C-alpha atoms as a PDB file:
ATOM      1  CA  MET A   1      38.645  26.207 245.500  1.00  0.00           C
ATOM      2  CA  LEU A   2      36.330  29.119 246.313  1.00  0.00           C
ATOM      3  CA  PRO A   3      32.747  29.429 245.085  1.00  0.00           C
ATOM      4  CA  MET A   4      32.449  31.205 241.725  1.00  0.00           C
ATOM      5  CA  THR A   5      29.448  31.543 239.474  1.00  0.00           C
ATOM      6  CA  GLU A   6      29.575  30.301 235.895  1.00  0.00           C
ATOM      7  CA  GLU A   7      28.778  33.794 234.653  1.00  0.00           C
ATOM      8  CA  ARG A   8      31.804  35.232 236.455  1.00  0.00           C
ATOM      9  CA  ALA A   9      34.055  32.431 235.151  1.00  0.00           C
ATOM     10  CA  ALA A  10      32.840  33.022 231.592  1.00  0.00           C
ATOM     11  CA  GLU A  11      33.404  36.784 231.997  1.00  0.00           C
ATOM     12  CA  LEU A  12      36.965  36.228 233.180  1.00  0.00           C
ATOM     13  CA  ALA A  13      37.666  33.777 230.324  1.00  0.00           C
ATOM     14  CA  ALA A  14      36.365  36.308 227.811  1.00  0.00           C
ATOM     15  CA  LYS A  15      38.672  38.996 229.262  1.00  0.00           C
ATOM     16  CA  ALA A  16      41.605  36.590 229.053  1.00  0.00           C
ATOM     17  CA  HIS A  17      40.926  35.739 225.437  1.00  0.00           C
ATOM     18  CA  GLU A  18      40.550  39.415 224.617  1.00  0.00           C
ATOM     19  CA  PHE A  19      43.852  40.217 226.325  1.00  0.00           C
ATOM     20  CA  VAL A  20      45.658  37.351 224.555  1.00  0.00           C
ATOM     21  CA  GLY A  21      44.169  38.415 221.236  1.00  0.00           C
ATOM     22  CA  GLU A  22      45.526  41.932 221.712  1.00  0.00           C
ATOM     23  CA  LEU A  23      48.889  40.525 222.812  1.00  0.00           C
ATOM     24  CA  SER A  24      49.227  38.173 219.854  1.00  0.00           C
ATOM     25  CA  GLY A  25      48.490  41.029 217.479  1.00  0.00           C
ATOM     26  CA  LEU A  26      51.496  43.020 218.685  1.00  0.00           C
ATOM     27  CA  ASP A  27      55.062  42.769 217.530  1.00  0.00           C
ATOM     28  CA  ALA A  28      57.088  40.789 220.039  1.00  0.00           C
ATOM     29  CA  ARG A  29      59.829  43.420 219.861  1.00  0.00           C
ATOM     30  CA  SER A  30      57.543  46.392 220.481  1.00  0.00           C
ATOM     31  CA  PRO A  31      57.252  48.207 223.847  1.00  0.00           C
ATOM     32  CA  GLU A  32      53.540  47.552 223.885  1.00  0.00           C
ATOM     33  CA  PHE A  33      54.207  43.811 223.847  1.00  0.00           C
ATOM     34  CA  SER A  34      56.632  44.197 226.760  1.00  0.00           C
ATOM     35  CA  ARG A  35      54.082  46.245 228.712  1.00  0.00           C
ATOM     36  CA  LYS A  36      51.446  43.577 228.141  1.00  0.00           C
ATOM     37  CA  VAL A  37      53.802  40.883 229.357  1.00  0.00           C
ATOM     38  CA  HIS A  38      54.654  43.053 232.394  1.00  0.00           C
ATOM     39  CA  ASP A  39      50.963  43.417 233.126  1.00  0.00           C
ATOM     40  CA  ILE A  40      50.743  39.638 233.186  1.00  0.00           C
ATOM     41  CA  SER A  41      53.718  39.369 235.580  1.00  0.00           C
ATOM     42  CA  SER A  42      52.237  42.003 237.930  1.00  0.00           C
ATOM     43  CA  MET A  43      48.745  40.514 237.907  1.00  0.00           C
ATOM     44  CA  GLY A  44      47.520  40.083 241.502  1.00  0.00           C
ATOM     45  CA  ASP A  45      50.526  41.828 243.138  1.00  0.00           C
ATOM     46  CA  THR A  46      48.282  43.910 245.395  1.00  0.00           C
ATOM     47  CA  GLU A  47      46.356  40.842 246.553  1.00  0.00           C
ATOM     48  CA  ILE A  48      49.570  38.872 247.171  1.00  0.00           C
ATOM     49  CA  ARG A  49      50.957  41.689 249.328  1.00  0.00           C
ATOM     50  CA  SER A  50      47.663  41.905 251.257  1.00  0.00           C
ATOM     51  CA  ALA A  51      47.719  38.165 251.859  1.00  0.00           C
ATOM     52  CA  SER A  52      51.340  38.396 252.989  1.00  0.00           C
ATOM     53  CA  GLN A  53      50.440  41.089 255.516  1.00  0.00           C
ATOM     54  CA  VAL A  54      47.773  38.830 256.956  1.00  0.00           C
ATOM     55  CA  ALA A  55      50.360  36.041 257.180  1.00  0.00           C
ATOM     56  CA  ASN A  56      52.760  38.389 258.984  1.00  0.00           C
ATOM     57  CA  ARG A  57      50.074  39.326 261.510  1.00  0.00           C
ATOM     58  CA  MET A  58      49.304  35.641 261.999  1.00  0.00           C
ATOM     59  CA  LEU A  59      52.981  34.937 262.638  1.00  0.00           C
ATOM     60  CA  LYS A  60      52.861  37.226 265.660  1.00  0.00           C
ATOM     61  CA  ARG A  61      50.326  34.951 267.375  1.00  0.00           C
ATOM     62  CA  PRO A  62      52.569  31.917 267.973  1.00  0.00           C
ATOM     63  CA  VAL A  63      55.402  34.249 268.952  1.00  0.00           C
ATOM     64  CA  ALA A  64      53.125  35.942 271.493  1.00  0.00           C
ATOM     65  CA  ALA A  65      51.964  32.544 272.729  1.00  0.00           C
ATOM     66  CA  LEU A  66      55.594  31.423 273.233  1.00  0.00           C
ATOM     67  CA  ASP A  67      56.376  34.660 275.068  1.00  0.00           C
ATOM     68  CA  ALA A  68      53.361  34.114 277.286  1.00  0.00           C
ATOM     69  CA  ALA A  69      54.544  30.567 278.033  1.00  0.00           C
ATOM     70  CA  ARG A  70      57.901  32.026 279.129  1.00  0.00           C
ATOM     71  CA  GLY A  71      56.159  34.760 281.105  1.00  0.00           C
ATOM     72  CA  GLU A  72      57.211  37.479 278.643  1.00  0.00           C
ATOM     73  CA  GLY A  73      53.907  38.146 276.913  1.00  0.00           C
ATOM     74  CA  SER A  74      50.207  38.539 277.514  1.00  0.00           C
ATOM     75  CA  ASP A  75      48.619  35.966 275.211  1.00  0.00           C
ATOM     76  CA  ALA A  76      44.954  35.574 276.203  1.00  0.00           C
ATOM     77  CA  GLN A  77      44.826  31.871 275.339  1.00  0.00           C
ATOM     78  CA  GLY A  78      47.832  31.075 277.502  1.00  0.00           C
ATOM     79  CA  ARG A  79      46.543  33.102 280.461  1.00  0.00           C
ATOM     80  CA  VAL A  80      43.061  31.616 280.284  1.00  0.00           C
ATOM     81  CA  ALA A  81      44.433  28.088 279.989  1.00  0.00           C
ATOM     82  CA  SER A  82      46.746  28.581 282.990  1.00  0.00           C
ATOM     83  CA  GLU A  83      43.923  30.085 285.076  1.00  0.00           C
ATOM     84  CA  LEU A  84      41.658  27.166 284.178  1.00  0.00           C
ATOM     85  CA  VAL A  85      44.374  24.784 285.345  1.00  0.00           C
ATOM     86  CA  ALA A  86      44.737  26.770 288.586  1.00  0.00           C
ATOM     87  CA  LEU A  87      40.986  26.675 289.157  1.00  0.00           C
ATOM     88  CA  ARG A  88      40.884  22.940 288.516  1.00  0.00           C
ATOM     89  CA  ARG A  89      43.665  22.337 291.043  1.00  0.00           C
ATOM     90  CA  THR A  90      41.877  24.496 293.602  1.00  0.00           C
ATOM     91  CA  VAL A  91      38.590  22.667 293.066  1.00  0.00           C
ATOM     92  CA  VAL A  92      40.326  19.292 293.395  1.00  0.00           C
ATOM     93  CA  ASP A  93      42.016  20.436 296.599  1.00  0.00           C
ATOM     94  CA  LEU A  94      38.642  21.589 297.970  1.00  0.00           C
ATOM     95  CA  ASP A  95      36.760  18.411 297.060  1.00  0.00           C
ATOM     96  CA  PRO A  96      34.541  17.782 300.142  1.00  0.00           C
ATOM     97  CA  LYS A  97      34.878  14.002 299.888  1.00  0.00           C
ATOM     98  CA  GLN A  98      38.503  14.351 300.967  1.00  0.00           C
ATOM     99  CA  ALA A  99      37.362  15.795 304.312  1.00  0.00           C
ATOM    100  CA  ALA A 100      36.153  12.772 306.252  1.00  0.00           C
ATOM    101  CA  SER A 101      34.247  13.528 309.435  1.00  0.00           C
ATOM    102  CA  GLY A 102      35.702  12.860 312.834  1.00  0.00           C
ATOM    103  CA  PRO A 103      38.882  13.938 314.607  1.00  0.00           C
ATOM    104  CA  ARG A 104      42.232  13.852 312.912  1.00  0.00           C
ATOM    105  CA  LYS A 105      44.884  11.714 314.580  1.00  0.00           C
ATOM    106  CA  LEU A 106      48.582  12.292 314.839  1.00  0.00           C
ATOM    107  CA  LEU A 107      50.376   9.158 313.632  1.00  0.00           C
ATOM    108  CA  GLY A 108      46.923   7.577 313.498  1.00  0.00           C
ATOM    109  CA  LEU A 109      46.680   7.463 317.283  1.00  0.00           C
ATOM    110  CA  ILE A 110      46.536  10.877 318.965  1.00  0.00           C
ATOM    111  CA  PRO A 111      43.514  13.088 318.076  1.00  0.00           C
ATOM    112  CA  PHE A 112      44.547  16.663 317.384  1.00  0.00           C
ATOM    113  CA  GLY A 113      41.776  18.342 315.394  1.00  0.00           C
ATOM    114  CA  ASP A 114      38.655  17.926 313.307  1.00  0.00           C
ATOM    115  CA  ARG A 115      38.798  17.256 309.562  1.00  0.00           C
ATOM    116  CA  LEU A 116      35.568  19.047 308.698  1.00  0.00           C
ATOM    117  CA  ARG A 117      36.478  22.127 310.691  1.00  0.00           C
ATOM    118  CA  ASP A 118      39.894  22.238 309.015  1.00  0.00           C
ATOM    119  CA  TYR A 119      38.248  21.718 305.617  1.00  0.00           C
ATOM    120  CA  PHE A 120      35.825  24.638 306.054  1.00  0.00           C
ATOM    121  CA  ALA A 121      38.673  26.827 307.270  1.00  0.00           C
ATOM    122  CA  ARG A 122      40.677  25.905 304.158  1.00  0.00           C
ATOM    123  CA  TYR A 123      37.677  26.646 301.917  1.00  0.00           C
ATOM    124  CA  HIS A 124      37.166  30.017 303.608  1.00  0.00           C
ATOM    125  CA  SER A 125      40.807  30.952 303.066  1.00  0.00           C
ATOM    126  CA  ALA A 126      40.611  29.824 299.407  1.00  0.00           C
ATOM    127  CA  GLN A 127      37.645  32.085 298.624  1.00  0.00           C
ATOM    128  CA  LYS A 128      39.822  35.069 297.736  1.00  0.00           C
ATOM    129  CA  HIS A 129      42.030  32.893 295.549  1.00  0.00           C
ATOM    130  CA  ILE A 130      38.967  31.564 293.705  1.00  0.00           C
ATOM    131  CA  ASP A 131      37.613  35.094 293.231  1.00  0.00           C
ATOM    132  CA  ASP A 132      40.973  36.228 291.815  1.00  0.00           C
ATOM    133  CA  ILE A 133      40.991  33.293 289.394  1.00  0.00           C
ATOM    134  CA  ILE A 134      37.434  34.091 288.268  1.00  0.00           C
ATOM    135  CA  ARG A 135      38.337  37.745 287.661  1.00  0.00           C
ATOM    136  CA  ALA A 136      41.393  36.699 285.658  1.00  0.00           C
ATOM    137  CA  LEU A 137      39.274  34.254 283.640  1.00  0.00           C
ATOM    138  CA  LYS A 138      36.686  36.946 282.883  1.00  0.00           C
ATOM    139  CA  SER A 139      39.431  39.334 281.800  1.00  0.00           C
ATOM    140  CA  GLY A 140      40.994  36.665 279.594  1.00  0.00           C
ATOM    141  CA  GLN A 141      37.586  35.814 278.154  1.00  0.00           C
ATOM    142  CA  ASP A 142      37.052  39.458 277.169  1.00  0.00           C
ATOM    143  CA  GLU A 143      40.405  39.441 275.404  1.00  0.00           C
ATOM    144  CA  LEU A 144      39.534  36.206 273.642  1.00  0.00           C
ATOM    145  CA  LEU A 145      36.283  37.696 272.383  1.00  0.00           C
ATOM    146  CA  ARG A 146      38.089  40.841 271.205  1.00  0.00           C
ATOM    147  CA  ASP A 147      40.679  38.614 269.550  1.00  0.00           C
ATOM    148  CA  ASN A 148      37.920  36.702 267.790  1.00  0.00           C
ATOM    149  CA  ALA A 149      36.397  39.931 266.554  1.00  0.00           C
ATOM    150  CA  ALA A 150      39.787  40.884 265.077  1.00  0.00           C
ATOM    151  CA  ILE A 151      40.128  37.396 263.593  1.00  0.00           C
ATOM    152  CA  GLU A 152      36.726  37.710 261.934  1.00  0.00           C
ATOM    153  CA  GLY A 153      37.914  40.937 260.328  1.00  0.00           C
ATOM    154  CA  GLU A 154      41.134  39.267 259.166  1.00  0.00           C
ATOM    155  CA  LYS A 155      39.168  36.333 257.778  1.00  0.00           C
ATOM    156  CA  ALA A 156      36.811  38.632 255.884  1.00  0.00           C
ATOM    157  CA  ASN A 157      39.737  40.536 254.364  1.00  0.00           C
ATOM    158  CA  LEU A 158      41.583  37.320 253.567  1.00  0.00           C
ATOM    159  CA  TRP A 159      38.496  35.808 251.983  1.00  0.00           C
ATOM    160  CA  GLU A 160      38.136  38.834 249.739  1.00  0.00           C
ATOM    161  CA  VAL A 161      41.826  38.646 248.802  1.00  0.00           C
ATOM    162  CA  MET A 162      41.543  34.925 248.114  1.00  0.00           C
ATOM    163  CA  THR A 163      38.492  35.550 245.924  1.00  0.00           C
ATOM    164  CA  ARG A 164      40.453  38.033 243.809  1.00  0.00           C
ATOM    165  CA  LEU A 165      43.478  35.722 243.694  1.00  0.00           C
ATOM    166  CA  GLN A 166      41.258  32.931 242.441  1.00  0.00           C
ATOM    167  CA  GLU A 167      39.849  35.217 239.750  1.00  0.00           C
ATOM    168  CA  TYR A 168      43.388  36.055 238.634  1.00  0.00           C
ATOM    169  CA  ALA A 169      44.230  32.341 238.663  1.00  0.00           C
ATOM    170  CA  VAL A 170      41.189  31.612 236.498  1.00  0.00           C
ATOM    171  CA  MET A 171      42.261  34.377 234.115  1.00  0.00           C
ATOM    172  CA  ALA A 172      45.822  33.005 233.987  1.00  0.00           C
ATOM    173  CA  GLN A 173      44.474  29.539 233.176  1.00  0.00           C
ATOM    174  CA  ALA A 174      42.310  31.000 230.423  1.00  0.00           C
ATOM    175  CA  MET A 175      45.291  32.992 229.089  1.00  0.00           C
ATOM    176  CA  ASP A 176      47.343  29.795 229.063  1.00  0.00           C
ATOM    177  CA  ALA A 177      44.713  28.043 226.958  1.00  0.00           C
ATOM    178  CA  ALA A 178      44.287  31.070 224.660  1.00  0.00           C
ATOM    179  CA  LEU A 179      48.066  31.357 224.125  1.00  0.00           C
ATOM    180  CA  GLU A 180      48.244  27.674 223.253  1.00  0.00           C
ATOM    181  CA  GLU A 181      45.620  28.307 220.636  1.00  0.00           C
ATOM    182  CA  GLN A 182      47.600  31.264 219.269  1.00  0.00           C
ATOM    183  CA  ILE A 183      50.945  29.458 219.275  1.00  0.00           C
ATOM    184  CA  ALA A 184      49.781  26.398 217.375  1.00  0.00           C
ATOM    185  CA  PRO A 185      49.172  28.080 213.944  1.00  0.00           C
ATOM    186  CA  ALA A 186      51.865  30.777 214.327  1.00  0.00           C
ATOM    187  CA  ASP A 187      55.202  30.703 212.559  1.00  0.00           C
ATOM    188  CA  GLU A 188      58.291  29.535 214.415  1.00  0.00           C
ATOM    189  CA  GLU A 189      59.656  32.977 215.292  1.00  0.00           C
ATOM    190  CA  ARG A 190      56.344  34.269 216.553  1.00  0.00           C
ATOM    191  CA  ALA A 191      55.541  31.002 218.321  1.00  0.00           C
ATOM    192  CA  THR A 192      58.928  31.153 220.068  1.00  0.00           C
ATOM    193  CA  ALA A 193      58.303  34.745 221.193  1.00  0.00           C
ATOM    194  CA  LEU A 194      54.834  33.956 222.497  1.00  0.00           C
ATOM    195  CA  ARG A 195      56.033  30.787 224.219  1.00  0.00           C
ATOM    196  CA  SER A 196      59.203  32.181 225.818  1.00  0.00           C
ATOM    197  CA  ASP A 197      57.859  35.567 226.812  1.00  0.00           C
ATOM    198  CA  ALA A 198      54.070  35.464 227.155  1.00  0.00           C
ATOM    199  CA  LEU A 199      53.323  31.802 227.966  1.00  0.00           C
ATOM    200  CA  PHE A 200      56.277  31.531 230.380  1.00  0.00           C
ATOM    201  CA  THR A 201      55.137  34.662 232.217  1.00  0.00           C
ATOM    202  CA  VAL A 202      51.514  33.493 232.306  1.00  0.00           C
ATOM    203  CA  ARG A 203      52.414  30.099 233.721  1.00  0.00           C
ATOM    204  CA  GLN A 204      54.883  31.583 236.191  1.00  0.00           C
ATOM    205  CA  ARG A 205      52.253  34.053 237.411  1.00  0.00           C
ATOM    206  CA  HIS A 206      49.630  31.282 237.460  1.00  0.00           C
ATOM    207  CA  GLN A 207      51.968  29.217 239.627  1.00  0.00           C
ATOM    208  CA  ASP A 208      52.611  32.157 241.972  1.00  0.00           C
ATOM    209  CA  LEU A 209      48.909  32.886 242.231  1.00  0.00           C
ATOM    210  CA  LEU A 210      48.051  29.274 243.037  1.00  0.00           C
ATOM    211  CA  THR A 211      50.886  29.071 245.578  1.00  0.00           C
ATOM    212  CA  GLN A 212      49.734  32.253 247.315  1.00  0.00           C
ATOM    213  CA  LEU A 213      46.176  31.037 247.152  1.00  0.00           C
ATOM    214  CA  ALA A 214      47.160  27.764 248.850  1.00  0.00           C
ATOM    215  CA  VAL A 215      49.132  29.653 251.528  1.00  0.00           C
ATOM    216  CA  SER A 216      46.222  32.032 252.054  1.00  0.00           C
ATOM    217  CA  ALA A 217      43.826  29.110 252.336  1.00  0.00           C
ATOM    218  CA  GLN A 218      46.038  27.599 255.021  1.00  0.00           C
ATOM    219  CA  GLY A 219      46.152  30.954 256.799  1.00  0.00           C
ATOM    220  CA  TYR A 220      42.376  31.231 256.593  1.00  0.00           C
ATOM    221  CA  LEU A 221      41.956  27.768 258.100  1.00  0.00           C
ATOM    222  CA  ALA A 222      44.549  28.602 260.773  1.00  0.00           C
ATOM    223  CA  LEU A 223      42.642  31.769 261.693  1.00  0.00           C
ATOM    224  CA  ASP A 224      39.443  29.775 261.891  1.00  0.00           C
ATOM    225  CA  LEU A 225      41.186  27.222 264.119  1.00  0.00           C
ATOM    226  CA  VAL A 226      42.391  30.001 266.432  1.00  0.00           C
ATOM    227  CA  ARG A 227      38.876  31.409 266.491  1.00  0.00           C
ATOM    228  CA  ARG A 228      37.433  28.009 267.377  1.00  0.00           C
ATOM    229  CA  ASN A 229      40.009  27.534 270.116  1.00  0.00           C
ATOM    230  CA  ASN A 230      39.148  30.941 271.509  1.00  0.00           C
ATOM    231  CA  LEU A 231      35.456  30.041 271.464  1.00  0.00           C
ATOM    232  CA  GLU A 232      36.100  26.762 273.266  1.00  0.00           C
ATOM    233  CA  LEU A 233      38.218  28.542 275.850  1.00  0.00           C
ATOM    234  CA  SER A 234      35.498  31.142 276.253  1.00  0.00           C
ATOM    235  CA  LYS A 235      32.927  28.380 276.771  1.00  0.00           C
ATOM    236  CA  GLY A 236      35.290  26.767 279.241  1.00  0.00           C
ATOM    237  CA  VAL A 237      35.487  30.046 281.127  1.00  0.00           C
ATOM    238  CA  ASP A 238      31.681  30.224 281.222  1.00  0.00           C
ATOM    239  CA  ARG A 239      31.447  26.679 282.517  1.00  0.00           C
ATOM    240  CA  ALA A 240      34.218  27.225 285.037  1.00  0.00           C
ATOM    241  CA  THR A 241      32.822  30.490 286.415  1.00  0.00           C
ATOM    242  CA  THR A 242      29.255  29.218 286.585  1.00  0.00           C
ATOM    243  CA  THR A 243      28.810  25.451 286.716  1.00  0.00           C
ATOM    244  CA  THR A 244      32.142  24.449 288.277  1.00  0.00           C
ATOM    245  CA  VAL A 245      32.193  27.163 290.941  1.00  0.00           C
ATOM    246  CA  ALA A 246      28.476  26.642 291.665  1.00  0.00           C
ATOM    247  CA  ALA A 247      29.058  22.884 291.967  1.00  0.00           C
ATOM    248  CA  LEU A 248      31.948  23.512 294.382  1.00  0.00           C
ATOM    249  CA  ARG A 249      29.881  25.864 296.524  1.00  0.00           C
ATOM    250  CA  THR A 250      26.948  23.447 296.452  1.00  0.00           C
ATOM    251  CA  ALA A 251      29.224  20.596 297.514  1.00  0.00           C
ATOM    252  CA  VAL A 252      30.619  22.692 300.355  1.00  0.00           C
ATOM    253  CA  THR A 253      27.098  23.682 301.415  1.00  0.00           C
ATOM    254  CA  VAL A 254      25.969  20.059 301.362  1.00  0.00           C
ATOM    255  CA  ALA A 255      29.049  19.007 303.340  1.00  0.00           C
ATOM    256  CA  GLN A 256      28.369  21.695 305.920  1.00  0.00           C
ATOM    257  CA  ALA A 257      24.687  20.751 306.071  1.00  0.00           C
ATOM    258  CA  LEU A 258      25.576  17.085 306.516  1.00  0.00           C
ATOM    259  CA  ALA A 259      28.038  18.001 309.247  1.00  0.00           C
ATOM    260  CA  ASN A 260      25.366  20.054 311.022  1.00  0.00           C
ATOM    261  CA  GLN A 261      22.856  17.273 310.458  1.00  0.00           C
ATOM    262  CA  LYS A 262      25.240  14.753 311.991  1.00  0.00           C
ATOM    263  CA  LEU A 263      25.691  17.076 314.958  1.00  0.00           C
ATOM    264  CA  VAL A 264      21.911  17.372 315.333  1.00  0.00           C
ATOM    265  CA  LEU A 265      21.476  13.601 314.989  1.00  0.00           C
ATOM    266  CA  ASP A 266      24.129  13.033 317.638  1.00  0.00           C
ATOM    267  CA  GLN A 267      22.356  15.429 319.972  1.00  0.00           C
ATOM    268  CA  ILE A 268      18.989  13.814 319.270  1.00  0.00           C
ATOM    269  CA  THR A 269      20.495  10.367 319.874  1.00  0.00           C
ATOM    270  CA  ALA A 270      21.982  11.526 323.166  1.00  0.00           C
ATOM    271  CA  LEU A 271      18.685  13.161 324.139  1.00  0.00           C
ATOM    272  CA  ASN A 272      16.755  10.013 323.255  1.00  0.00           C
ATOM    273  CA  ALA A 273      19.194   7.939 325.281  1.00  0.00           C
ATOM    274  CA  THR A 274      18.758  10.274 328.266  1.00  0.00           C
ATOM    275  CA  THR A 275      14.993  10.158 327.891  1.00  0.00           C
ATOM    276  CA  GLY A 276      15.087   6.371 327.725  1.00  0.00           C
ATOM    277  CA  ASP A 277      17.198   6.232 330.875  1.00  0.00           C
ATOM    278  CA  LEU A 278      14.716   8.500 332.668  1.00  0.00           C
ATOM    279  CA  ILE A 279      11.783   6.403 331.553  1.00  0.00           C
ATOM    280  CA  LEU A 280      13.549   3.223 332.642  1.00  0.00           C
ATOM    281  CA  ALA A 281      14.423   4.683 336.051  1.00  0.00           C
ATOM    282  CA  THR A 282      10.861   5.925 336.512  1.00  0.00           C
ATOM    283  CA  SER A 283       9.437   2.533 335.596  1.00  0.00           C
ATOM    284  CA  GLU A 284      11.762   0.825 338.044  1.00  0.00           C
ATOM    285  CA  MET A 285      10.674   3.251 340.775  1.00  0.00           C
ATOM    286  CA  LEU A 286       7.018   2.627 339.918  1.00  0.00           C
ATOM    287  CA  ARG A 287       7.566  -1.111 340.022  1.00  0.00           C
ATOM    288  CA  THR A 288       9.284  -0.951 343.425  1.00  0.00           C
ATOM    289  CA  GLN A 289       6.758   1.485 344.913  1.00  0.00           C
ATOM    290  CA  ALA A 290       3.788  -0.455 343.549  1.00  0.00           C
ATOM    291  CA  GLY A 291       5.094  -3.664 345.100  1.00  0.00           C
ATOM    292  CA  ALA A 292       5.474  -1.967 348.456  1.00  0.00           C
ATOM    293  CA  ILE A 293       1.970  -0.543 348.219  1.00  0.00           C
ATOM    294  CA  GLN A 294       0.516  -3.920 347.331  1.00  0.00           C
ATOM    295  CA  ASN A 295       2.343  -5.578 350.226  1.00  0.00           C
ATOM    296  CA  GLN A 296       1.121  -2.906 352.585  1.00  0.00           C
ATOM    297  CA  ALA A 297      -2.445  -3.192 351.269  1.00  0.00           C
ATOM    298  CA  ALA A 298      -2.366  -6.960 351.596  1.00  0.00           C
ATOM    299  CA  SER A 299      -1.030  -6.876 355.164  1.00  0.00           C
ATOM    300  CA  THR A 300      -3.098  -5.933 358.302  1.00  0.00           C
ATOM    301  CA  THR A 301      -2.709  -2.306 359.179  1.00  0.00           C
ATOM    302  CA  VAL A 302      -3.338  -2.833 363.022  1.00  0.00           C
ATOM    303  CA  ASP A 303      -2.002  -5.670 365.116  1.00  0.00           C
ATOM    304  CA  LEU A 304      -4.758  -8.139 366.109  1.00  0.00           C
ATOM    305  CA  ASP A 305      -3.700  -8.349 369.762  1.00  0.00           C
ATOM    306  CA  THR A 306      -3.712  -4.607 370.050  1.00  0.00           C
ATOM    307  CA  LEU A 307      -7.101  -4.455 368.387  1.00  0.00           C
ATOM    308  CA  ARG A 308      -8.413  -7.153 370.751  1.00  0.00           C
ATOM    309  CA  LYS A 309      -7.137  -5.262 373.815  1.00  0.00           C
ATOM    310  CA  ALA A 310      -8.700  -2.076 372.503  1.00  0.00           C
ATOM    311  CA  PHE A 311     -12.051  -3.794 372.153  1.00  0.00           C
ATOM    312  CA  ASP A 312     -11.678  -5.242 375.704  1.00  0.00           C
ATOM    313  CA  ASN A 313     -11.048  -1.765 377.026  1.00  0.00           C
ATOM    314  CA  VAL A 314     -14.121  -0.507 375.190  1.00  0.00           C
ATOM    315  CA  TYR A 315     -16.198  -3.320 376.603  1.00  0.00           C
ATOM    316  CA  ALA A 316     -14.879  -2.625 380.147  1.00  0.00           C
ATOM    317  CA  THR A 317     -15.628   1.047 379.774  1.00  0.00           C
ATOM    318  CA  MET A 318     -19.167   0.296 378.637  1.00  0.00           C
ATOM    319  CA  ASP A 319     -19.662  -2.032 381.632  1.00  0.00           C
ATOM    320  CA  ALA A 320     -18.359   0.656 383.979  1.00  0.00           C
ATOM    321  CA  ILE A 321     -20.763   3.146 382.477  1.00  0.00           C
ATOM    322  CA  ASP A 322     -23.673   0.783 383.001  1.00  0.00           C
ATOM    323  CA  THR A 323     -22.678   0.239 386.630  1.00  0.00           C
ATOM    324  CA  PHE A 324     -22.288   3.976 387.152  1.00  0.00           C
ATOM    325  CA  ARG A 325     -25.703   4.622 385.700  1.00  0.00           C
ATOM    326  CA  GLU A 326     -27.331   2.036 387.950  1.00  0.00           C
ATOM    327  CA  GLN A 327     -25.744   3.566 391.029  1.00  0.00           C
ATOM    328  CA  ALA A 328     -26.520   7.091 389.800  1.00  0.00           C
ATOM    329  CA  VAL A 329     -30.215   6.245 389.409  1.00  0.00           C
ATOM    330  CA  GLU A 330     -30.529   5.330 393.053  1.00  0.00           C
ATOM    331  CA  SER A 331     -28.460   8.310 394.170  1.00  0.00           C
ATOM    332  CA  MET A 332     -30.469  10.671 391.993  1.00  0.00           C
ATOM    333  CA  ALA A 333     -33.752   9.256 393.397  1.00  0.00           C
ATOM    334  CA  ALA A 334     -32.585  10.006 396.945  1.00  0.00           C
ATOM    335  CA  THR A 335     -31.480  13.434 395.886  1.00  0.00           C
ATOM    336  CA  VAL A 336     -34.882  14.103 394.267  1.00  0.00           C
ATOM    337  CA  ASP A 337     -36.720  13.060 397.449  1.00  0.00           C
ATOM    338  CA  SER A 338     -34.513  15.269 399.593  1.00  0.00           C
ATOM    339  CA  LEU A 339     -34.917  18.192 397.234  1.00  0.00           C
ATOM    340  CA  SER A 340     -38.714  17.717 397.145  1.00  0.00           C
ATOM    341  CA  THR A 341     -38.883  17.800 400.996  1.00  0.00           C
ATOM    342  CA  GLU A 342     -36.769  20.898 401.111  1.00  0.00           C
ATOM    343  CA  LEU A 343     -38.893  22.572 398.422  1.00  0.00           C
ATOM    344  CA  ARG A 344     -42.109  21.810 400.364  1.00  0.00           C
ATOM    345  CA  HIS A 345     -40.541  23.237 403.469  1.00  0.00           C
ATOM    346  CA  THR A 346     -39.383  26.267 401.518  1.00  0.00           C
ATOM    347  CA  LYS A 347     -42.885  26.797 400.100  1.00  0.00           C
ATOM    348  CA  THR A 348     -44.197  27.532 403.676  1.00  0.00           C
ATOM    349  CA  TYR A 349     -41.733  30.334 404.063  1.00  0.00           C
ATOM    350  CA  LEU A 350     -42.467  31.667 400.596  1.00  0.00           C
ATOM    351  CA  ASP A 351     -46.183  31.804 401.290  1.00  0.00           C
ATOM    352  CA  ARG A 352     -45.539  33.661 404.576  1.00  0.00           C
ATOM    353  CA  ALA A 353     -43.324  36.174 402.792  1.00  0.00           C
ATOM    354  CA  GLN A 354     -46.018  36.869 400.234  1.00  0.00           C
ATOM    355  CA  GLU A 355     -48.615  37.390 402.904  1.00  0.00           C
ATOM    356  CA  SER A 356     -46.382  39.876 404.678  1.00  0.00           C
ATOM    357  CA  ALA A 357     -45.897  41.790 401.439  1.00  0.00           C
ATOM    358  CA  ARG A 358     -49.636  42.411 401.034  1.00  0.00           C
END
C-alpha cells in the first residue's frame, strides 16, 4: 500500500528467512523457541500503540465538533462555518437592489419615508456587526491554520508508523512463506509444532498488522480530509473578508452614487425647466414688444391736422414778420432823417464849445 523499494523488500525477506531458519532449528519445547514465537506475537506493538494514540486524538475532533454545534465547545470549523453563514445573511439583507428609490408608502398609499435613506441607515448600523463577524472569521482562520499545522505533524507521524507497520507486514508475509517451506519436509510432530505455534502466531500477527495498517490508512485519509476542509474554510474566510465585503461596500457606494446622481439629475432637470420657462417668457415679451414697436414705427407720430395747423401758424408768423419789416423800414428811415438833423444841429454847438476851449 505504501511505497517501498525493492532493495528494502528484499532486505526484509532475507531477515524473515533468517529468523525462520533460526526458529526451525530450535526445539519446539525449548524456552528459546517460545521466546522466538513471543517476538513474532509482539512484532509491531509499539507502532500499533502509536497508531492507536493518533486514532484517539482524531476521535476528539468529532466530539469537539458536536460540542461546538451544541454551544459547548470551541471547534474552529464550526465557528468559522457559523460566522460565514452570518456574514452571508447580513450581505443578503444589505443587498442594494432591495432598496428601491422613492418614498415608502404605508399600505401602499401613504408616503412615510425614503427607501434609500432607510437602506443607508441600516447599512451604517450593520457596520459594527460586519466588523465583529470579520474579526471572528480571522480568529477562526488562525485556529484552522494552527489546526492544520498540528494535522500535518500527526500525518507525518502516522505515515512513519504506517511505513514501519507495512515493513512488519512484509516480514510476516515472508515468514509465512518461509515457514511453509520448513513445514513441508518436516516430520509430523515438528510440522505440527511449527504450524500450531509459529505459523499461527505469524498469521495472527500478520492479520493484526494489516488490520491496523488499514485503520491507520483510513485515519490518515481522514486527517487529510480535515486538513482540506480547513483549507477550504480558510480560503472561504479570505474570500469573505476581501472579495465579499469589498463587493458589498462597492455596491453600497454605487447605490449611494446613483442616488446622488439621481438627485443631481433631478435638480438639473428642474433647473433646465426653469431656464426654459424664462426663455419662453422672454421670447413672448420680445414678440409682444416688437409688435408694438413695429406698429408705432408704421403709424404717424404727429397728427396731420395738428401738423397742418402748425405750418399755418409758421406761415402766418413769417407773413407778420415781413409786414413788420416793411413798416420798420419806413419808420427807421424817418428816425434816421430826424437823427441826422439833430446831429447837424448838435455839431454847431460842439464847434462853439471847442472854440471856447481854445
